[in-house]
Amino acid sequence: MSDLNRFSDFAEEDKPLEGEKIRIDDILNQEITVKNFEVKDSKFEGKDKYTKVQIEINEKTKVIFTGSKVIANQCKKYKEKIPFIATIKKINNYYTFT
């Protein structure tokens, strides 16, 4: 029986991203540290997915929610670089890391 794997040795539990929820518009054009992210299916009709981004700003951990496909794609593309420092800009009708 010692050949059996223990669930606790291989299971990776999805833990919620911790931090106080803030509005993305409250941190525009400010330097932040992107610490983690997750892309989830939206519960709202007509909406596809949303991205929850865990950030650090002013030495406090916060989370922002956005339907921005640009930010979702940037998070996925550069996930190996996390944590990274960025600024969120609003260009016309979309948000992006710069």
C-alpha atoms as a PDB file:
ATOM      1  CA  MET A   1       0.000   0.000   0.000  1.00  0.00           C
ATOM      2  CA  SER A   2       2.959   2.370   0.351  1.00  0.00           C
ATOM      3  CA  ASP A   3       3.087   2.619  -3.485  1.00  0.00           C
ATOM      4  CA  LEU A   4      -0.104   4.658  -3.507  1.00  0.00           C
ATOM      5  CA  ASN A   5       0.003   8.370  -4.085  1.00  0.00           C
ATOM      6  CA  ARG A   6      -1.360  10.744  -1.500  1.00  0.00           C
ATOM      7  CA  PHE A   7      -3.875  13.230  -2.847  1.00  0.00           C
ATOM      8  CA  SER A   8      -2.173  16.034  -0.905  1.00  0.00           C
ATOM      9  CA  ASP A   9       1.127  15.319  -2.705  1.00  0.00           C
ATOM     10  CA  PHE A  10      -0.190  16.023  -6.202  1.00  0.00           C
ATOM     11  CA  ALA A  11      -3.400  18.036  -5.917  1.00  0.00           C
ATOM     12  CA  GLU A  12      -3.187  21.684  -6.816  1.00  0.00           C
ATOM     13  CA  GLU A  13      -6.089  23.445  -5.202  1.00  0.00           C
ATOM     14  CA  ASP A  14      -7.462  26.507  -6.954  1.00  0.00           C
ATOM     15  CA  LYS A  15      -7.188  29.174  -4.327  1.00  0.00           C
ATOM     16  CA  PRO A  16      -9.025  32.435  -4.836  1.00  0.00           C
ATOM     17  CA  LEU A  17      -6.866  35.450  -5.544  1.00  0.00           C
ATOM     18  CA  GLU A  18      -6.680  37.485  -2.366  1.00  0.00           C
ATOM     19  CA  GLY A  19      -7.000  41.226  -2.149  1.00  0.00           C
ATOM     20  CA  GLU A  20      -9.513  44.014  -1.823  1.00  0.00           C
ATOM     21  CA  LYS A  21     -11.522  44.557  -5.008  1.00  0.00           C
ATOM     22  CA  ILE A  22     -10.925  47.920  -6.635  1.00  0.00           C
ATOM     23  CA  ARG A  23     -12.074  49.487  -9.887  1.00  0.00           C
ATOM     24  CA  ILE A  24      -9.650  49.424 -12.785  1.00  0.00           C
ATOM     25  CA  ASP A  25     -10.295  53.133 -13.414  1.00  0.00           C
ATOM     26  CA  ASP A  26      -8.936  53.898  -9.918  1.00  0.00           C
ATOM     27  CA  ILE A  27      -5.449  52.691 -10.877  1.00  0.00           C
ATOM     28  CA  LEU A  28      -5.111  53.951 -14.443  1.00  0.00           C
ATOM     29  CA  ASN A  29      -1.696  55.413 -15.311  1.00  0.00           C
ATOM     30  CA  GLN A  30      -0.176  54.245 -12.004  1.00  0.00           C
ATOM     31  CA  GLU A  31       2.667  51.779 -11.664  1.00  0.00           C
ATOM     32  CA  ILE A  32       1.458  48.427 -10.333  1.00  0.00           C
ATOM     33  CA  THR A  33       2.944  44.982  -9.836  1.00  0.00           C
ATOM     34  CA  VAL A  34       0.981  42.222 -11.519  1.00  0.00           C
ATOM     35  CA  LYS A  35       1.167  39.244  -9.140  1.00  0.00           C
ATOM     36  CA  ASN A  36      -1.301  36.721 -10.572  1.00  0.00           C
ATOM     37  CA  PHE A  37      -4.378  36.386 -12.754  1.00  0.00           C
ATOM     38  CA  GLU A  38      -7.178  34.061 -13.738  1.00  0.00           C
ATOM     39  CA  VAL A  39      -9.511  34.058 -16.722  1.00  0.00           C
ATOM     40  CA  LYS A  40     -13.024  32.848 -15.997  1.00  0.00           C
ATOM     41  CA  ASP A  41     -16.324  32.457 -17.813  1.00  0.00           C
ATOM     42  CA  SER A  42     -18.631  35.384 -17.185  1.00  0.00           C
ATOM     43  CA  LYS A  43     -21.974  34.810 -15.496  1.00  0.00           C
ATOM     44  CA  PHE A  44     -23.495  37.746 -17.352  1.00  0.00           C
ATOM     45  CA  GLU A  45     -25.532  37.117 -20.478  1.00  0.00           C
ATOM     46  CA  GLY A  46     -23.817  38.304 -23.626  1.00  0.00           C
ATOM     47  CA  LYS A  47     -20.402  38.424 -21.949  1.00  0.00           C
ATOM     48  CA  ASP A  48     -17.772  35.835 -22.800  1.00  0.00           C
ATOM     49  CA  LYS A  49     -14.959  35.850 -20.243  1.00  0.00           C
ATOM     50  CA  TYR A  50     -13.478  38.134 -17.644  1.00  0.00           C
ATOM     51  CA  THR A  51     -10.017  38.419 -16.140  1.00  0.00           C
ATOM     52  CA  LYS A  52      -9.319  38.792 -12.448  1.00  0.00           C
ATOM     53  CA  VAL A  53      -5.878  40.331 -11.913  1.00  0.00           C
ATOM     54  CA  GLN A  54      -4.136  40.353  -8.542  1.00  0.00           C
ATOM     55  CA  ILE A  55      -1.936  43.417  -8.211  1.00  0.00           C
ATOM     56  CA  GLU A  56       0.133  45.234  -5.667  1.00  0.00           C
ATOM     57  CA  ILE A  57      -0.107  48.998  -5.423  1.00  0.00           C
ATOM     58  CA  ASN A  58       1.193  51.161  -2.589  1.00  0.00           C
ATOM     59  CA  GLU A  59       2.395  47.980  -0.845  1.00  0.00           C
ATOM     60  CA  LYS A  60      -1.185  46.637  -0.689  1.00  0.00           C
ATOM     61  CA  THR A  61      -2.588  43.612  -2.511  1.00  0.00           C
ATOM     62  CA  LYS A  62      -5.706  44.345  -4.560  1.00  0.00           C
ATOM     63  CA  VAL A  63      -7.719  42.645  -7.297  1.00  0.00           C
ATOM     64  CA  ILE A  64      -9.282  44.118 -10.396  1.00  0.00           C
ATOM     65  CA  PHE A  65     -11.846  42.592 -12.712  1.00  0.00           C
ATOM     66  CA  THR A  66     -11.947  43.388 -16.411  1.00  0.00           C
ATOM     67  CA  GLY A  67     -13.599  42.136 -19.556  1.00  0.00           C
ATOM     68  CA  SER A  68     -10.642  43.505 -21.548  1.00  0.00           C
ATOM     69  CA  LYS A  69      -9.527  40.899 -24.055  1.00  0.00           C
ATOM     70  CA  VAL A  70      -6.286  42.826 -24.488  1.00  0.00           C
ATOM     71  CA  ILE A  71      -5.379  42.470 -20.798  1.00  0.00           C
ATOM     72  CA  ALA A  72      -6.488  38.812 -20.801  1.00  0.00           C
ATOM     73  CA  ASN A  73      -4.258  38.086 -23.805  1.00  0.00           C
ATOM     74  CA  GLN A  74      -1.314  39.976 -22.296  1.00  0.00           C
ATOM     75  CA  CYS A  75      -1.651  38.055 -19.013  1.00  0.00           C
ATOM     76  CA  LYS A  76      -1.722  34.722 -20.843  1.00  0.00           C
ATOM     77  CA  LYS A  77       1.116  35.631 -23.205  1.00  0.00           C
ATOM     78  CA  TYR A  78       3.444  36.877 -20.458  1.00  0.00           C
ATOM     79  CA  LYS A  79       2.395  34.610 -17.549  1.00  0.00           C
ATOM     80  CA  GLU A  80       5.960  33.262 -17.297  1.00  0.00           C
ATOM     81  CA  LYS A  81       7.147  36.831 -16.536  1.00  0.00           C
ATOM     82  CA  ILE A  82       4.799  37.309 -13.555  1.00  0.00           C
ATOM     83  CA  PRO A  83       5.376  39.132 -11.265  1.00  0.00           C
ATOM     84  CA  PHE A  84       6.023  42.202 -13.438  1.00  0.00           C
ATOM     85  CA  ILE A  85       5.632  45.949 -13.139  1.00  0.00           C
ATOM     86  CA  ALA A  86       3.195  47.635 -15.507  1.00  0.00           C
ATOM     87  CA  THR A  87       0.853  50.559 -15.964  1.00  0.00           C
ATOM     88  CA  ILE A  88      -2.733  50.155 -17.164  1.00  0.00           C
ATOM     89  CA  LYS A  89      -3.768  52.659 -19.802  1.00  0.00           C
ATOM     90  CA  LYS A  90      -7.182  53.225 -21.333  1.00  0.00           C
ATOM     91  CA  ILE A  91      -6.905  53.706 -25.073  1.00  0.00           C
ATOM     92  CA  ASN A  92     -10.217  54.593 -26.704  1.00  0.00           C
ATOM     93  CA  ASN A  93     -12.525  51.810 -25.453  1.00  0.00           C
ATOM     94  CA  TYR A  94     -10.006  49.254 -24.190  1.00  0.00           C
ATOM     95  CA  TYR A  95      -7.490  48.744 -21.404  1.00  0.00           C
ATOM     96  CA  THR A  96      -3.902  47.607 -21.928  1.00  0.00           C
ATOM     97  CA  PHE A  97      -0.714  47.084 -19.959  1.00  0.00           C
ATOM     98  CA  THR A  98       2.165  49.373 -20.895  1.00  0.00           C
END
